[in-house]
C-alpha atoms as a PDB file:
ATOM      1  CA  MET A   1       0.052  -0.005  -0.044  1.00  0.00           C
ATOM      2  CA  THR A   2       1.285   3.407  -0.985  1.00  0.00           C
ATOM      3  CA  PRO A   3      -0.544   6.215   0.969  1.00  0.00           C
ATOM      4  CA  GLU A   4      -1.732   9.225  -0.884  1.00  0.00           C
ATOM      5  CA  PHE A   5      -1.450  12.806   0.474  1.00  0.00           C
ATOM      6  CA  PRO A   6      -3.301  15.962  -0.048  1.00  0.00           C
ATOM      7  CA  ASP A   7      -1.614  18.771  -2.136  1.00  0.00           C
ATOM      8  CA  GLU A   8      -2.268  21.563   0.381  1.00  0.00           C
ATOM      9  CA  THR A   9      -0.020  21.614   3.394  1.00  0.00           C
ATOM     10  CA  VAL A  10      -1.218  22.262   7.081  1.00  0.00           C
ATOM     11  CA  ASP A  11       1.184  24.032   9.512  1.00  0.00           C
ATOM     12  CA  ASP A  12       1.341  26.003  12.679  1.00  0.00           C
ATOM     13  CA  PHE A  13       1.175  23.046  15.156  1.00  0.00           C
ATOM     14  CA  PRO A  14       2.467  23.588  18.628  1.00  0.00           C
ATOM     15  CA  THR A  15       5.467  21.598  19.806  1.00  0.00           C
ATOM     16  CA  PRO A  16       5.811  19.645  23.134  1.00  0.00           C
ATOM     17  CA  PRO A  17       6.404  20.153  25.932  1.00  0.00           C
ATOM     18  CA  ARG A  18       3.004  21.817  26.411  1.00  0.00           C
ATOM     19  CA  GLU A  19       0.492  22.170  29.168  1.00  0.00           C
ATOM     20  CA  PHE A  20      -3.355  22.668  28.943  1.00  0.00           C
ATOM     21  CA  THR A  21      -6.471  22.232  30.891  1.00  0.00           C
ATOM     22  CA  ASP A  22      -8.783  19.586  29.277  1.00  0.00           C
ATOM     23  CA  ALA A  23     -12.517  19.808  28.899  1.00  0.00           C
ATOM     24  CA  GLU A  24     -12.980  18.080  32.329  1.00  0.00           C
ATOM     25  CA  ASP A  25     -10.796  20.710  34.066  1.00  0.00           C
ATOM     26  CA  ARG A  26      -7.820  18.384  34.402  1.00  0.00           C
ATOM     27  CA  ASP A  27      -4.298  19.731  34.198  1.00  0.00           C
ATOM     28  CA  ILE A  28      -2.691  17.858  31.314  1.00  0.00           C
ATOM     29  CA  THR A  29       1.080  17.953  30.217  1.00  0.00           C
ATOM     30  CA  VAL A  30       2.142  16.728  26.810  1.00  0.00           C
ATOM     31  CA  GLU A  31       5.767  15.760  26.588  1.00  0.00           C
ATOM     32  CA  ARG A  32       8.171  14.064  24.077  1.00  0.00           C
ATOM     33  CA  ALA A  33       8.744  10.566  25.152  1.00  0.00           C
ATOM     34  CA  GLY A  34      11.499   7.957  24.801  1.00  0.00           C
ATOM     35  CA  ASP A  35      12.733   4.941  26.791  1.00  0.00           C
ATOM     36  CA  GLU A  36      12.165   6.671  30.060  1.00  0.00           C
ATOM     37  CA  ALA A  37       8.388   6.668  29.400  1.00  0.00           C
ATOM     38  CA  LYS A  38       8.157   2.988  28.622  1.00  0.00           C
ATOM     39  CA  ASP A  39       7.127   1.872  32.218  1.00  0.00           C
ATOM     40  CA  ALA A  40       4.437   4.448  32.439  1.00  0.00           C
ATOM     41  CA  LEU A  41       3.098   3.485  28.998  1.00  0.00           C
ATOM     42  CA  PHE A  42       3.141  -0.134  29.879  1.00  0.00           C
ATOM     43  CA  GLU A  43       0.931   0.587  32.863  1.00  0.00           C
ATOM     44  CA  MET A  44      -1.336   2.659  30.758  1.00  0.00           C
ATOM     45  CA  TYR A  45      -1.683  -0.086  28.183  1.00  0.00           C
ATOM     46  CA  LEU A  46      -2.572  -2.681  31.014  1.00  0.00           C
ATOM     47  CA  GLU A  47      -5.477  -0.542  31.896  1.00  0.00           C
ATOM     48  CA  PHE A  48      -6.543  -0.053  28.298  1.00  0.00           C
ATOM     49  CA  ASN A  49     -10.258  -0.986  27.469  1.00  0.00           C
ATOM     50  CA  PRO A  50     -10.357  -3.904  25.100  1.00  0.00           C
ATOM     51  CA  GLU A  51     -13.159  -2.167  23.231  1.00  0.00           C
ATOM     52  CA  ASP A  52     -10.754   0.823  22.406  1.00  0.00           C
ATOM     53  CA  ARG A  53      -8.292  -1.491  20.669  1.00  0.00           C
ATOM     54  CA  ALA A  54      -8.210  -1.172  16.852  1.00  0.00           C
ATOM     55  CA  GLN A  55      -6.500  -3.214  14.078  1.00  0.00           C
ATOM     56  CA  GLY A  56      -5.008  -5.407  16.807  1.00  0.00           C
ATOM     57  CA  ILE A  57      -3.212  -2.581  18.706  1.00  0.00           C
ATOM     58  CA  PRO A  58      -2.372  -2.069  21.445  1.00  0.00           C
ATOM     59  CA  PRO A  59      -1.798  -5.656  22.289  1.00  0.00           C
ATOM     60  CA  THR A  60      -3.341  -7.279  25.174  1.00  0.00           C
ATOM     61  CA  ARG A  61      -0.784  -9.692  26.745  1.00  0.00           C
ATOM     62  CA  ASP A  62       1.887  -8.191  28.989  1.00  0.00           C
ATOM     63  CA  ASP A  63       4.802  -9.644  26.945  1.00  0.00           C
ATOM     64  CA  ALA A  64       3.207  -8.490  23.755  1.00  0.00           C
ATOM     65  CA  ILE A  65       2.662  -4.906  25.130  1.00  0.00           C
ATOM     66  CA  GLN A  66       6.364  -4.851  26.217  1.00  0.00           C
ATOM     67  CA  ASP A  67       7.606  -6.031  22.709  1.00  0.00           C
ATOM     68  CA  TRP A  68       5.310  -3.497  20.971  1.00  0.00           C
ATOM     69  CA  LEU A  69       6.560  -0.738  23.055  1.00  0.00           C
ATOM     70  CA  ASP A  70      10.242  -1.729  22.568  1.00  0.00           C
ATOM     71  CA  ASN A  71       9.265  -1.479  18.534  1.00  0.00           C
ATOM     72  CA  VAL A  72       7.458   1.975  18.780  1.00  0.00           C
ATOM     73  CA  VAL A  73       9.314   3.811  21.399  1.00  0.00           C
ATOM     74  CA  MET A  74      12.662   3.834  19.256  1.00  0.00           C
ATOM     75  CA  GLU A  75      14.983   6.534  18.026  1.00  0.00           C
ATOM     76  CA  ASP A  76      13.311   6.790  14.486  1.00  0.00           C
ATOM     77  CA  CYS A  77       9.898   7.104  15.995  1.00  0.00           C
ATOM     78  CA  LEU A  78       8.340  10.269  17.495  1.00  0.00           C
ATOM     79  CA  ASN A  79       6.379   9.588  20.581  1.00  0.00           C
ATOM     80  CA  VAL A  80       4.345  11.973  22.858  1.00  0.00           C
ATOM     81  CA  VAL A  81       2.658  11.142  26.073  1.00  0.00           C
ATOM     82  CA  ALA A  82      -0.199  13.023  27.932  1.00  0.00           C
ATOM     83  CA  TRP A  83       0.373  13.124  31.686  1.00  0.00           C
ATOM     84  CA  HIS A  84      -2.155  13.668  34.372  1.00  0.00           C
ATOM     85  CA  GLU A  85      -1.011  13.750  37.963  1.00  0.00           C
ATOM     86  CA  GLY A  86       2.105  11.738  37.108  1.00  0.00           C
ATOM     87  CA  GLU A  87       0.198   9.024  35.174  1.00  0.00           C
ATOM     88  CA  ALA A  88       0.408   8.447  31.484  1.00  0.00           C
ATOM     89  CA  VAL A  89      -3.229   8.825  30.157  1.00  0.00           C
ATOM     90  CA  GLY A  90      -2.554   9.057  26.315  1.00  0.00           C
ATOM     91  CA  HIS A  91       0.131   8.300  23.719  1.00  0.00           C
ATOM     92  CA  ALA A  92       0.615   9.164  20.117  1.00  0.00           C
ATOM     93  CA  MET A  93       3.314   8.170  17.814  1.00  0.00           C
ATOM     94  CA  LEU A  94       4.789   8.755  14.316  1.00  0.00           C
ATOM     95  CA  VAL A  95       6.315   5.602  12.883  1.00  0.00           C
ATOM     96  CA  PRO A  96       8.310   5.606   9.746  1.00  0.00           C
ATOM     97  CA  ASP A  97       6.883   3.476   6.946  1.00  0.00           C
ATOM     98  CA  ASN A  98      10.195   3.116   4.940  1.00  0.00           C
ATOM     99  CA  ILE A  99       8.733   4.898   1.912  1.00  0.00           C
ATOM    100  CA  GLY A 100       9.418   8.415   3.146  1.00  0.00           C
ATOM    101  CA  SER A 101       6.301   9.059   5.150  1.00  0.00           C
ATOM    102  CA  TYR A 102       5.086   8.303   8.663  1.00  0.00           C
ATOM    103  CA  GLU A 103       2.072   6.437  10.105  1.00  0.00           C
ATOM    104  CA  LEU A 104       0.240   8.041  13.155  1.00  0.00           C
ATOM    105  CA  ALA A 105      -1.285   6.160  15.824  1.00  0.00           C
ATOM    106  CA  ILE A 106      -2.985   7.479  18.926  1.00  0.00           C
ATOM    107  CA  PHE A 107      -4.384   5.866  22.141  1.00  0.00           C
ATOM    108  CA  VAL A 108      -6.259   7.608  25.014  1.00  0.00           C
ATOM    109  CA  LEU A 109      -7.527   5.911  28.179  1.00  0.00           C
ATOM    110  CA  ARG A 110     -11.272   5.763  28.267  1.00  0.00           C
ATOM    111  CA  ALA A 111     -11.801   7.971  31.176  1.00  0.00           C
ATOM    112  CA  TYR A 112      -9.909  10.729  29.356  1.00  0.00           C
ATOM    113  CA  GLN A 113     -11.509  10.377  25.992  1.00  0.00           C
ATOM    114  CA  GLY A 114     -13.753  13.139  24.678  1.00  0.00           C
ATOM    115  CA  ALA A 115     -11.899  15.812  26.797  1.00  0.00           C
ATOM    116  CA  GLN A 116      -9.633  17.229  23.866  1.00  0.00           C
ATOM    117  CA  ILE A 117      -6.607  15.294  25.098  1.00  0.00           C
ATOM    118  CA  GLY A 118      -6.409  13.292  21.776  1.00  0.00           C
ATOM    119  CA  THR A 119      -6.599  16.593  19.779  1.00  0.00           C
ATOM    120  CA  GLU A 120      -3.812  18.041  21.738  1.00  0.00           C
ATOM    121  CA  LEU A 121      -1.767  14.888  21.440  1.00  0.00           C
ATOM    122  CA  VAL A 122      -1.952  14.892  17.743  1.00  0.00           C
ATOM    123  CA  ARG A 123      -1.376  18.557  17.341  1.00  0.00           C
ATOM    124  CA  SER A 124       1.683  18.343  19.490  1.00  0.00           C
ATOM    125  CA  LEU A 125       2.962  15.329  17.693  1.00  0.00           C
ATOM    126  CA  LEU A 126       2.523  16.939  14.321  1.00  0.00           C
ATOM    127  CA  GLY A 127       4.319  20.074  15.442  1.00  0.00           C
ATOM    128  CA  TRP A 128       7.289  18.032  16.525  1.00  0.00           C
ATOM    129  CA  GLY A 129       7.098  16.230  13.184  1.00  0.00           C
ATOM    130  CA  GLN A 130       7.161  19.535  11.399  1.00  0.00           C
ATOM    131  CA  GLU A 131      10.217  20.562  13.471  1.00  0.00           C
ATOM    132  CA  GLU A 132      11.999  17.333  12.507  1.00  0.00           C
ATOM    133  CA  GLY A 133      11.251  18.002   8.731  1.00  0.00           C
ATOM    134  CA  ILE A 134       8.651  15.295   8.285  1.00  0.00           C
ATOM    135  CA  ASP A 135       6.392  16.187   5.393  1.00  0.00           C
ATOM    136  CA  LYS A 136       3.936  13.314   4.960  1.00  0.00           C
ATOM    137  CA  VAL A 137       1.700  11.539   7.671  1.00  0.00           C
ATOM    138  CA  TRP A 138      -1.026   9.002   7.170  1.00  0.00           C
ATOM    139  CA  LEU A 139      -3.140   6.797   9.272  1.00  0.00           C
ATOM    140  CA  THR A 140      -5.983   4.302   9.057  1.00  0.00           C
ATOM    141  CA  VAL A 141      -9.174   4.359  11.108  1.00  0.00           C
ATOM    142  CA  GLU A 142     -12.309   2.460  11.242  1.00  0.00           C
ATOM    143  CA  ARG A 143     -14.833   4.257   9.291  1.00  0.00           C
ATOM    144  CA  TRP A 144     -17.470   3.880  12.133  1.00  0.00           C
ATOM    145  CA  ASN A 145     -15.080   5.572  14.643  1.00  0.00           C
ATOM    146  CA  ASP A 146     -16.801   8.977  14.327  1.00  0.00           C
ATOM    147  CA  PRO A 147     -14.920  10.553  17.233  1.00  0.00           C
ATOM    148  CA  ALA A 148     -11.496   9.729  15.830  1.00  0.00           C
ATOM    149  CA  VAL A 149     -12.598  10.733  12.271  1.00  0.00           C
ATOM    150  CA  ARG A 150     -13.702  14.136  13.530  1.00  0.00           C
ATOM    151  CA  LEU A 151     -10.476  14.558  15.507  1.00  0.00           C
ATOM    152  CA  TYR A 152      -8.238  13.873  12.407  1.00  0.00           C
ATOM    153  CA  GLU A 153     -10.442  16.040  10.181  1.00  0.00           C
ATOM    154  CA  LYS A 154     -10.249  18.854  12.855  1.00  0.00           C
ATOM    155  CA  VAL A 155      -6.513  18.914  12.728  1.00  0.00           C
ATOM    156  CA  GLY A 156      -6.269  18.801   8.943  1.00  0.00           C
ATOM    157  CA  PHE A 157      -6.222  15.092   7.750  1.00  0.00           C
ATOM    158  CA  GLU A 158      -8.177  14.392   4.569  1.00  0.00           C
ATOM    159  CA  THR A 159      -9.591  11.083   3.512  1.00  0.00           C
ATOM    160  CA  THR A 160      -7.438   9.629   0.666  1.00  0.00           C
ATOM    161  CA  GLU A 161      -8.950   6.157   0.461  1.00  0.00           C
ATOM    162  CA  SER A 162     -12.442   4.931   1.561  1.00  0.00           C
ATOM    163  CA  GLN A 163     -12.912   1.653  -0.231  1.00  0.00           C
ATOM    164  CA  SER A 164     -12.712  -0.760   2.674  1.00  0.00           C
ATOM    165  CA  PHE A 165     -14.066  -0.858   6.270  1.00  0.00           C
ATOM    166  CA  GLU A 166     -11.256   1.464   7.178  1.00  0.00           C
ATOM    167  CA  LEU A 167     -10.573   5.061   5.983  1.00  0.00           C
ATOM    168  CA  GLU A 168      -7.101   6.006   4.950  1.00  0.00           C
ATOM    169  CA  MET A 169      -6.279   9.610   5.795  1.00  0.00           C
ATOM    170  CA  GLY A 170      -3.368  11.869   4.985  1.00  0.00           C
ATOM    171  CA  ILE A 171      -1.875  15.157   5.878  1.00  0.00           C
ATOM    172  CA  ARG A 172       1.011  17.178   4.340  1.00  0.00           C
ATOM    173  CA  LEU A 173       2.850  19.275   6.880  1.00  0.00           C
ATOM    174  CA  GLY A 174       4.155  22.644   5.858  1.00  0.00           C
END
């Protein structure tokens, strides 16, 4: 699969670290994350609701979560974490796809969904991506996941493929 991308660029995303108050009046910090965040992310994914998993990720078994984190929290991937009171409550990543673009994935604990944390994670991650010179970002999302589709459209993603049960969406960073 070769992703497609819109012609227009989107820019002016903020870069982490950032602090904001979410829609539930909680103080949230978004930070760049590396190996030091793996333990907190592991704990977050142990709490992750099975109904919020998509396309087989995040994994469910402890060892599979650990292996998955080892693969996505690497030097060539960009990871941001949303923190609330010292706990990881959201995680977004850009993973290189070996054809010059990056795939985006995002996960937010159910108790924190619908409070703008996902939007701020994605915006911060895309800002860091712009800072790093990343031009093309794509993702796939289940077409019936209306909250996620709205989030992606709000930050500037456009649907580039809609022939299956998943939508493929892309954004070109300025």
